[in-house]
Amino acid sequence: MQERLKELQAEAIQKVDQSAGLKELNDIRVAYLGKKGPITEVLRGMGKLSAEERPVIGALANEVREAIAAKIEAKQSALEEAAVQEKLAAESIDVTLPGRPVKAGNHHPLTKIIEEIEDLFIGMGYEIAEGPEVEQDYYNFEALNLPKGHPARDMQDSFYITEEILLRTHTSPVQARTMEKHQGKGPIKIICPGKVYRRDNDDATHSHQFMQIEGLVVGENIRMSDLKGTLNVFAKKMFGEDREIRLRPSFFPFTEPSVEMDISCKMCGGHGCNVCKHTGWIEILGAGMVHPNVLEMAGYDSKKYTGFAFGMGPERIAMLKYGVDDIRHFYTNDVRFLNQFAIEE
């Protein structure tokens, strides 16, 4: 039995020396050191040995196992090192070759507009508020003075998921949620940028998904003059100090009174051209004083608190500011279009 163990050791070591790959080496490990290997078979026959021979054979079997395992481990290290060196040689880099320029990405024009608007309003003391894009019908409509069956709901064809869940059609639900969170106490001064969704046919001026930024101010003694002053500052900062604004009466269910704001046409200076349809003015956003019903539903005392709200589309502002004639350019990811808005260092 001792001779058999020594033969197995010599045989295994010879095969290890001759192995040329890790898979072959692993097969040798399993063949000689596995549960079904010849060494294990030798040990199973120890029951036939005398009491004096068993410890001698057992010790020898362990020595053989350790010798084979050590040889396999050494061979494995050598094969792995050889594989690394071979890979390094194949992947060698010629450091004398000229480098390849890495093109830096640019901010998307809509991102630039949104960040510019955010910076402007943050500078005026506003905070950024966010809310879910998958919204409850209550916050999207009912909390904004648009109860079920209200005719104004026909103005916004919506993507409904269930009867009470839909993709928000504006960012006004963020205003409703913010007012509700304040529980009728303290002033609010926020803007709410985000994506909105409406069932619309995509064309040069419409999209089923677009961005919107709405603002809300609630507090004591908030007046229409505060709204006009805020919008005047916004227009001059975004479009130039020579821009003029005008407010026209309009209707929105969640504001009363409601207005639409126009800015004087940049192309003709207010004299009339094709861009402004010869009116001298370009519509830019909607606004108004927060409807008392909206304040009351959010827990505010409408006799003590007043507020104003406004909403604008960054796409429209970007189109006017950069002279873009098709809203679809913002979403087709054409690099030739986007490269026009490269950041100037």
Foldseek 3Di string as FASTA:
>chain_A
DLVVLVVLLVVLLVQLVVDDAPVSLVVSCCQDVNCPHPLVVVLVPLVPPDPVCNVVSVVSSVVSNVSSVVSSVVSVVVNVVVVVVVVCVVPPDDPVDDDDDDDDDFDQLLRVLVVLLVVVLVVVVAAEFEDDQWDFPCLLAVLLQHDPPRPCCVVFAFAAPDPTITGRAARSSRVLVVLLVCQQDDKHWYKYKDKGATPDDFWQPDDRIFIKIKIKIKDFPDDPVNVVVVVLVVCCSLAHVLKDKDWAFDDDSFAPRKTWMWIFQPVPSQCADVVCNGRRIDTFWIKHKGDLSSNVSSNHDSVGMIMMMIMGTSLVSSCRRVVRRGSCVSPPPDVVVRVVRGDDD
